[in-house]
Protein backbone atom coordinates (compact mmCIF):
# COMPACT_ATOMS: atom_id res chain seq x y z
CA UNK A 1 70.80 80.22 69.68
CA UNK A 2 73.62 82.40 68.45
CA UNK A 3 76.82 82.58 70.46
CA UNK A 4 78.39 85.98 71.04
CA UNK A 5 82.11 86.24 71.64
CA UNK A 6 84.03 89.27 72.74
CA UNK A 7 87.61 89.79 71.69
CA UNK A 8 89.07 91.95 74.42
CA UNK A 9 92.77 92.63 73.99
CA UNK A 10 94.90 94.30 76.65
CA UNK A 11 95.82 97.87 75.85
CA UNK A 12 99.42 98.21 74.73
CA UNK A 13 101.55 100.68 76.63
CA UNK A 14 102.89 103.29 74.28
CA UNK A 15 105.29 106.10 74.91
CA UNK A 16 102.37 108.51 74.94
CA UNK A 17 100.71 106.87 77.96
CA UNK A 18 103.87 105.72 79.74
CA UNK A 19 104.57 107.92 82.76
CA UNK A 20 101.34 109.87 82.37
CA UNK A 21 100.34 109.39 86.01
CA UNK A 22 103.73 110.54 87.27
CA UNK A 23 103.60 113.68 85.14
CA UNK A 24 100.10 114.48 86.39
CA UNK A 25 101.15 114.06 90.03
CA UNK A 26 104.25 116.18 89.45
CA UNK A 27 102.29 119.00 87.80
CA UNK A 28 99.63 118.86 90.51
CA UNK A 29 102.20 118.91 93.33
CA UNK A 30 104.09 121.92 91.94
CA UNK A 31 100.88 123.81 91.23
CA UNK A 32 99.55 123.01 94.73
CA UNK A 33 102.77 124.20 96.38
CA UNK A 34 102.74 127.38 94.30
CA UNK A 35 99.10 128.13 95.11
CA UNK A 36 99.65 127.34 98.80
CA UNK A 37 102.67 129.65 98.95
CA UNK A 38 100.73 132.47 97.28
CA UNK A 39 97.83 131.95 99.69
CA UNK A 40 100.15 132.01 102.73
CA UNK A 41 101.81 135.21 101.51
CA UNK A 42 98.40 136.83 100.93
CA UNK A 43 97.18 135.79 104.39
CA UNK A 44 100.36 137.12 105.99
CA UNK A 45 99.93 140.43 104.17
CA UNK A 46 96.22 140.63 105.03
CA UNK A 47 96.43 139.63 108.72
CA UNK A 48 99.90 140.96 109.46
CA UNK A 49 101.09 137.83 111.26
CA UNK A 50 102.58 134.57 110.11
CA UNK A 51 100.12 131.68 109.61
CA UNK A 52 100.70 128.45 111.52
CA UNK A 53 104.23 127.30 110.55
CA UNK A 54 103.42 123.67 111.33
CA UNK A 55 100.88 123.52 108.50
CA UNK A 56 103.41 124.97 106.06
CA UNK A 57 106.04 122.49 107.21
CA UNK A 58 103.76 119.50 106.66
CA UNK A 59 102.48 120.70 103.28
CA UNK A 60 106.02 121.11 101.97
CA UNK A 61 107.10 117.80 103.55
CA UNK A 62 104.20 115.84 102.06
CA UNK A 63 104.62 117.12 98.51
CA UNK A 64 108.41 116.99 98.73
CA UNK A 65 108.32 113.32 99.72
CA UNK A 66 105.82 112.66 96.93
CA UNK A 67 108.18 114.18 94.34
CA UNK A 68 111.18 112.31 95.78
CA UNK A 69 109.31 109.00 95.61
CA UNK A 70 108.40 109.64 91.96
CA UNK A 71 112.05 110.35 91.21
CA UNK A 72 113.21 107.18 92.97
CA UNK A 73 110.59 105.15 91.15
CA UNK A 74 111.87 106.50 87.84
CA UNK A 75 115.54 105.90 88.76
CA UNK A 76 115.14 102.31 89.99
CA UNK A 77 112.58 101.13 87.40
CA UNK A 78 113.68 98.00 85.55
CA UNK A 79 113.82 98.41 81.77
CA UNK A 80 111.56 96.05 79.83
CA UNK A 81 112.25 94.82 76.30
CA UNK A 82 109.62 94.86 73.58
CA UNK A 83 108.79 91.16 74.01
CA UNK A 84 108.02 91.61 77.71
CA UNK A 85 111.15 90.03 79.22
CA UNK A 86 113.24 91.90 81.75
CA UNK A 87 116.73 92.97 80.75
C-alpha cells in the first residue's frame, strides 16, 4: 500500500494581504453611510418630513464606532519582525 503525504505550509502574510480586511470594512462603512445619507435625503424630499432621527443616529454611531475601532487597532498594533518575534 502506498502512503500519501500532504505538505501543507501556512500561508505567509505579505504586504498585499496585510490589512485587507480593515480596508474592506472601511470602504464598506463609508459607502454604506453615503448610500444611507442619500436615501434619507431622497425620502425627506419625497415625503416632505424628516425620517426617524433615532435610526439615523444609530446608523452613524455604529459605523463611526466601527471606524474608530479599526483606527485604534492600527495605532496600538505591535510591530512584528521578519522572524516572528515581537519588537
